[in-house]
Amino acid sequence: MNPLTDVFFAFNQYIDALIIDPFANMYRMGVPEDVQISVANVLHNASEPVIFVE
């Protein structure tokens, strides 16, 4: 691999282990499942294209 790619990969792994993984675990353990489903639905709907009917 390209050395620059290796640097970015190592940085991403570090950030994942330091911030993302602990936050995801706290979210899974601390937020009720119904709320998690609602959040997932909102994020899914937000990713859909917006169509205005005139």
N, C-alpha and C. Protein backbone atom coordinates (compact mmCIF):
# COMPACT_ATOMS: atom_id res chain seq x y z
N MET A 1 0.83 -1.19 0.00
CA MET A 1 0.00 0.00 0.00
C MET A 1 0.87 1.25 0.00
N ASN A 2 0.21 2.31 -0.35
CA ASN A 2 0.84 3.62 -0.34
C ASN A 2 1.12 4.03 1.12
N PRO A 3 2.29 4.58 1.41
CA PRO A 3 2.59 4.99 2.80
C PRO A 3 1.58 5.99 3.37
N LEU A 4 1.07 6.90 2.54
CA LEU A 4 0.08 7.86 3.00
C LEU A 4 -1.22 7.15 3.39
N THR A 5 -1.57 6.14 2.64
CA THR A 5 -2.76 5.35 2.97
C THR A 5 -2.58 4.66 4.31
N ASP A 6 -1.39 4.15 4.56
CA ASP A 6 -1.10 3.51 5.85
C ASP A 6 -1.26 4.49 7.02
N VAL A 7 -0.82 5.73 6.81
CA VAL A 7 -0.93 6.75 7.85
C VAL A 7 -2.40 7.05 8.14
N PHE A 8 -3.19 7.24 7.09
CA PHE A 8 -4.62 7.52 7.29
C PHE A 8 -5.33 6.34 7.92
N PHE A 9 -4.98 5.13 7.51
CA PHE A 9 -5.59 3.94 8.10
C PHE A 9 -5.27 3.85 9.59
N ALA A 10 -4.03 4.08 9.96
CA ALA A 10 -3.64 4.02 11.37
C ALA A 10 -4.35 5.11 12.17
N PHE A 11 -4.46 6.30 11.60
CA PHE A 11 -5.16 7.40 12.27
C PHE A 11 -6.64 7.04 12.49
N ASN A 12 -7.28 6.51 11.46
CA ASN A 12 -8.69 6.12 11.57
C ASN A 12 -8.88 5.02 12.61
N GLN A 13 -7.98 4.07 12.66
CA GLN A 13 -8.06 3.01 13.67
C GLN A 13 -7.93 3.58 15.07
N TYR A 14 -7.03 4.54 15.24
CA TYR A 14 -6.80 5.17 16.54
C TYR A 14 -8.05 5.93 16.99
N ILE A 15 -8.60 6.75 16.11
CA ILE A 15 -9.82 7.51 16.43
C ILE A 15 -10.98 6.57 16.73
N ASP A 16 -11.08 5.50 15.97
CA ASP A 16 -12.15 4.53 16.20
C ASP A 16 -12.05 3.92 17.59
N ALA A 17 -10.85 3.52 17.97
CA ALA A 17 -10.65 2.89 19.27
C ALA A 17 -10.81 3.88 20.41
N LEU A 18 -10.42 5.14 20.18
CA LEU A 18 -10.42 6.14 21.25
C LEU A 18 -11.79 6.79 21.46
N ILE A 19 -12.52 7.06 20.37
CA ILE A 19 -13.74 7.85 20.47
C ILE A 19 -14.98 7.09 19.99
N ILE A 20 -14.94 6.58 18.79
CA ILE A 20 -16.14 6.02 18.15
C ILE A 20 -16.62 4.76 18.87
N ASP A 21 -15.74 3.85 19.12
CA ASP A 21 -16.13 2.57 19.75
C ASP A 21 -16.72 2.77 21.15
N PRO A 22 -16.07 3.55 22.03
CA PRO A 22 -16.68 3.76 23.35
C PRO A 22 -18.04 4.46 23.27
N PHE A 23 -18.16 5.45 22.40
CA PHE A 23 -19.43 6.15 22.24
C PHE A 23 -20.52 5.20 21.74
N ALA A 24 -20.19 4.36 20.77
CA ALA A 24 -21.16 3.40 20.24
C ALA A 24 -21.59 2.41 21.32
N ASN A 25 -20.67 1.96 22.13
CA ASN A 25 -21.01 1.03 23.21
C ASN A 25 -21.90 1.70 24.26
N MET A 26 -21.61 2.95 24.62
CA MET A 26 -22.45 3.66 25.58
C MET A 26 -23.85 3.86 25.00
N TYR A 27 -23.93 4.18 23.72
CA TYR A 27 -25.22 4.38 23.06
C TYR A 27 -26.04 3.09 23.10
N ARG A 28 -25.40 1.98 22.71
CA ARG A 28 -26.10 0.68 22.70
C ARG A 28 -26.57 0.27 24.09
N MET A 29 -25.74 0.53 25.11
CA MET A 29 -26.07 0.09 26.47
C MET A 29 -26.96 1.07 27.21
N GLY A 30 -26.89 2.37 26.87
CA GLY A 30 -27.58 3.37 27.66
C GLY A 30 -28.86 3.93 27.07
N VAL A 31 -29.09 3.68 25.78
CA VAL A 31 -30.28 4.24 25.13
C VAL A 31 -31.27 3.11 24.90
N PRO A 32 -32.53 3.30 25.30
CA PRO A 32 -33.53 2.25 25.11
C PRO A 32 -33.68 1.89 23.62
N GLU A 33 -34.03 0.65 23.37
CA GLU A 33 -34.12 0.16 22.00
C GLU A 33 -35.14 0.93 21.17
N ASP A 34 -36.26 1.32 21.78
CA ASP A 34 -37.27 2.08 21.04
C ASP A 34 -36.70 3.41 20.54
N VAL A 35 -35.90 4.05 21.37
CA VAL A 35 -35.28 5.32 20.99
C VAL A 35 -34.26 5.08 19.89
N GLN A 36 -33.49 4.01 19.98
CA GLN A 36 -32.51 3.68 18.94
C GLN A 36 -33.21 3.48 17.60
N ILE A 37 -34.34 2.80 17.62
CA ILE A 37 -35.10 2.57 16.39
C ILE A 37 -35.60 3.89 15.83
N SER A 38 -36.09 4.77 16.69
CA SER A 38 -36.58 6.08 16.24
C SER A 38 -35.45 6.90 15.63
N VAL A 39 -34.30 6.90 16.26
CA VAL A 39 -33.14 7.64 15.72
C VAL A 39 -32.74 7.06 14.37
N ALA A 40 -32.72 5.75 14.25
CA ALA A 40 -32.38 5.11 12.98
C ALA A 40 -33.38 5.49 11.89
N ASN A 41 -34.66 5.54 12.25
CA ASN A 41 -35.68 5.92 11.26
C ASN A 41 -35.51 7.36 10.80
N VAL A 42 -35.23 8.26 11.74
CA VAL A 42 -35.02 9.67 11.38
C VAL A 42 -33.82 9.81 10.45
N LEU A 43 -32.73 9.14 10.78
CA LEU A 43 -31.54 9.22 9.93
C LEU A 43 -31.79 8.62 8.56
N HIS A 44 -32.54 7.54 8.51
CA HIS A 44 -32.86 6.93 7.22
C HIS A 44 -33.72 7.88 6.38
N ASN A 45 -34.73 8.46 7.01
CA ASN A 45 -35.60 9.39 6.29
C ASN A 45 -34.85 10.62 5.82
N ALA A 46 -33.91 11.08 6.61
CA ALA A 46 -33.12 12.26 6.24
C ALA A 46 -32.23 11.97 5.04
N SER A 47 -31.89 10.72 4.83
CA SER A 47 -31.02 10.39 3.70
C SER A 47 -31.78 10.21 2.39
N GLU A 48 -33.11 10.21 2.46
CA GLU A 48 -33.92 10.06 1.26
C GLU A 48 -33.98 11.39 0.50
N PRO A 49 -34.12 11.31 -0.82
CA PRO A 49 -34.22 12.56 -1.58
C PRO A 49 -35.52 13.30 -1.25
N VAL A 50 -35.44 14.60 -1.27
CA VAL A 50 -36.61 15.44 -0.99
C VAL A 50 -37.27 15.77 -2.33
N ILE A 51 -38.56 15.50 -2.40
CA ILE A 51 -39.33 15.79 -3.63
C ILE A 51 -40.48 16.71 -3.25
N PHE A 52 -40.56 17.85 -3.90
CA PHE A 52 -41.66 18.78 -3.68
C PHE A 52 -42.68 18.62 -4.79
N VAL A 53 -43.92 18.50 -4.41
CA VAL A 53 -45.00 18.39 -5.39
C VAL A 53 -45.66 19.75 -5.50
N GLU A 54 -45.78 20.21 -6.72
CA GLU A 54 -46.41 21.52 -6.92
C GLU A 54 -47.81 21.35 -7.43
